Amino acid sequence: WLAQLGYDPIYGARPLKRVIQKRILNELSKEILSGKVNRDSIIRLDVFDGKFVFINKQEQ
């Protein structure tokens, strides 16, 4: 799924870095800044309804 989002027929996989930055790293940073996730947390990344979901393994 991530590979499909980050692939472009003209540029190949070059856009993948931007997809990872925008959809994963930026959103995870927001979770950390809001206090929902600690710096030392173990996070599982999943996809639900076409969106990335962060699951804090320490809360389970």
N, C-alpha and C. Protein backbone atom coordinates (compact mmCIF):
# COMPACT_ATOMS: atom_id res chain seq x y z
N TRP A 1 0.82 -1.18 0.00
CA TRP A 1 0.00 0.00 0.00
C TRP A 1 0.87 1.25 0.00
N LEU A 2 1.87 1.28 0.83
CA LEU A 2 2.79 2.42 0.89
C LEU A 2 3.55 2.55 -0.43
N ALA A 3 3.94 1.44 -1.01
CA ALA A 3 4.66 1.47 -2.28
C ALA A 3 3.79 2.05 -3.39
N GLN A 4 2.50 1.77 -3.37
CA GLN A 4 1.60 2.32 -4.37
C GLN A 4 1.47 3.83 -4.22
N LEU A 5 1.40 4.30 -2.98
CA LEU A 5 1.29 5.74 -2.75
C LEU A 5 2.56 6.48 -3.18
N GLY A 6 3.71 5.83 -3.00
CA GLY A 6 4.98 6.49 -3.27
C GLY A 6 5.57 6.22 -4.63
N TYR A 7 4.81 5.58 -5.50
CA TYR A 7 5.34 5.27 -6.82
C TYR A 7 4.73 6.19 -7.86
N ASP A 8 5.55 6.66 -8.76
CA ASP A 8 5.10 7.49 -9.87
C ASP A 8 5.69 6.90 -11.15
N PRO A 9 4.90 6.72 -12.20
CA PRO A 9 5.43 6.11 -13.43
C PRO A 9 6.61 6.87 -14.03
N ILE A 10 6.64 8.16 -13.85
CA ILE A 10 7.73 8.96 -14.42
C ILE A 10 8.95 8.97 -13.51
N TYR A 11 8.73 9.16 -12.21
CA TYR A 11 9.84 9.32 -11.26
C TYR A 11 10.19 8.05 -10.50
N GLY A 12 9.46 6.98 -10.73
CA GLY A 12 9.75 5.72 -10.04
C GLY A 12 9.36 5.82 -8.56
N ALA A 13 10.28 5.42 -7.69
CA ALA A 13 9.99 5.41 -6.25
C ALA A 13 10.49 6.67 -5.55
N ARG A 14 10.95 7.66 -6.28
CA ARG A 14 11.46 8.88 -5.65
C ARG A 14 10.44 9.57 -4.75
N PRO A 15 9.16 9.61 -5.11
CA PRO A 15 8.18 10.26 -4.23
C PRO A 15 7.93 9.51 -2.92
N LEU A 16 8.45 8.30 -2.79
CA LEU A 16 8.23 7.50 -1.58
C LEU A 16 8.73 8.21 -0.33
N LYS A 17 9.86 8.87 -0.43
CA LYS A 17 10.41 9.60 0.73
C LYS A 17 9.43 10.67 1.20
N ARG A 18 8.82 11.39 0.28
CA ARG A 18 7.85 12.43 0.65
C ARG A 18 6.61 11.83 1.29
N VAL A 19 6.17 10.69 0.78
CA VAL A 19 4.99 10.02 1.35
C VAL A 19 5.29 9.59 2.78
N ILE A 20 6.45 9.01 3.00
CA ILE A 20 6.83 8.59 4.36
C ILE A 20 6.91 9.80 5.28
N GLN A 21 7.52 10.88 4.82
CA GLN A 21 7.63 12.10 5.64
C GLN A 21 6.26 12.66 5.98
N LYS A 22 5.42 12.80 4.98
CA LYS A 22 4.12 13.45 5.18
C LYS A 22 3.14 12.58 5.96
N ARG A 23 3.03 11.33 5.58
CA ARG A 23 1.98 10.47 6.15
C ARG A 23 2.38 9.75 7.42
N ILE A 24 3.68 9.55 7.63
CA ILE A 24 4.11 8.80 8.81
C ILE A 24 4.86 9.70 9.79
N LEU A 25 5.99 10.24 9.37
CA LEU A 25 6.84 10.99 10.31
C LEU A 25 6.17 12.24 10.85
N ASN A 26 5.51 13.01 10.00
CA ASN A 26 4.83 14.22 10.48
C ASN A 26 3.71 13.87 11.46
N GLU A 27 2.93 12.85 11.13
CA GLU A 27 1.82 12.46 12.01
C GLU A 27 2.32 11.88 13.33
N LEU A 28 3.39 11.10 13.27
CA LEU A 28 3.96 10.56 14.50
C LEU A 28 4.53 11.67 15.37
N SER A 29 5.13 12.67 14.75
CA SER A 29 5.63 13.83 15.50
C SER A 29 4.50 14.55 16.23
N LYS A 30 3.37 14.69 15.58
CA LYS A 30 2.21 15.31 16.22
C LYS A 30 1.74 14.50 17.43
N GLU A 31 1.76 13.17 17.30
CA GLU A 31 1.36 12.30 18.41
C GLU A 31 2.31 12.46 19.59
N ILE A 32 3.60 12.57 19.31
CA ILE A 32 4.59 12.74 20.37
C ILE A 32 4.42 14.10 21.03
N LEU A 33 4.25 15.15 20.24
CA LEU A 33 4.10 16.50 20.80
C LEU A 33 2.83 16.65 21.61
N SER A 34 1.78 15.94 21.24
CA SER A 34 0.52 16.03 21.98
C SER A 34 0.54 15.21 23.26
N GLY A 35 1.56 14.38 23.43
CA GLY A 35 1.68 13.57 24.63
C GLY A 35 0.99 12.22 24.55
N LYS A 36 0.40 11.91 23.41
CA LYS A 36 -0.26 10.62 23.24
C LYS A 36 0.75 9.47 23.15
N VAL A 37 1.95 9.80 22.71
CA VAL A 37 3.01 8.82 22.55
C VAL A 37 4.26 9.36 23.24
N ASN A 38 4.91 8.52 24.02
CA ASN A 38 6.17 8.92 24.66
C ASN A 38 7.33 8.65 23.73
N ARG A 39 8.43 9.30 24.00
CA ARG A 39 9.62 9.12 23.18
C ARG A 39 10.10 7.67 23.16
N ASP A 40 9.96 6.98 24.27
CA ASP A 40 10.46 5.61 24.37
C ASP A 40 9.39 4.56 24.08
N SER A 41 8.25 4.98 23.59
CA SER A 41 7.15 4.05 23.32
C SER A 41 7.48 3.13 22.15
N ILE A 42 6.87 1.98 22.18
CA ILE A 42 6.95 1.05 21.05
C ILE A 42 5.65 1.21 20.28
N ILE A 43 5.77 1.62 19.03
CA ILE A 43 4.61 1.96 18.21
C ILE A 43 4.47 0.96 17.07
N ARG A 44 3.26 0.49 16.87
CA ARG A 44 2.96 -0.34 15.70
C ARG A 44 2.21 0.53 14.71
N LEU A 45 2.64 0.50 13.48
CA LEU A 45 2.01 1.27 12.41
C LEU A 45 1.09 0.34 11.64
N ASP A 46 -0.15 0.77 11.47
CA ASP A 46 -1.14 -0.04 10.75
C ASP A 46 -1.91 0.88 9.82
N VAL A 47 -2.65 0.30 8.90
CA VAL A 47 -3.49 1.07 7.98
C VAL A 47 -4.94 0.68 8.24
N PHE A 48 -5.78 1.69 8.45
CA PHE A 48 -7.20 1.46 8.69
C PHE A 48 -7.98 2.48 7.89
N ASP A 49 -8.87 2.02 7.04
CA ASP A 49 -9.67 2.90 6.16
C ASP A 49 -8.80 3.85 5.35
N GLY A 50 -7.67 3.36 4.86
CA GLY A 50 -6.80 4.16 4.01
C GLY A 50 -5.96 5.18 4.74
N LYS A 51 -5.92 5.12 6.07
CA LYS A 51 -5.11 6.05 6.85
C LYS A 51 -4.18 5.26 7.76
N PHE A 52 -3.01 5.84 8.01
CA PHE A 52 -2.08 5.22 8.94
C PHE A 52 -2.58 5.43 10.36
N VAL A 53 -2.45 4.39 11.17
CA VAL A 53 -2.88 4.44 12.56
C VAL A 53 -1.69 4.01 13.41
N PHE A 54 -1.40 4.78 14.45
CA PHE A 54 -0.32 4.44 15.36
C PHE A 54 -0.91 3.76 16.58
N ILE A 55 -0.41 2.58 16.90
CA ILE A 55 -0.89 1.82 18.04
C ILE A 55 0.24 1.73 19.05
N ASN A 56 0.00 2.27 20.23
CA ASN A 56 1.00 2.26 21.29
C ASN A 56 0.99 0.87 21.92
N LYS A 57 2.04 0.10 21.72
CA LYS A 57 2.11 -1.27 22.21
C LYS A 57 2.14 -1.33 23.73
N GLN A 58 2.58 -0.27 24.38
CA GLN A 58 2.67 -0.25 25.84
C GLN A 58 1.30 -0.08 26.49
N GLU A 59 0.32 0.40 25.75
CA GLU A 59 -1.02 0.60 26.29
C GLU A 59 -1.87 -0.66 26.18
N GLN A 60 -1.43 -1.64 25.42
CA GLN A 60 -2.23 -2.84 25.21
C GLN A 60 -2.07 -3.80 26.36
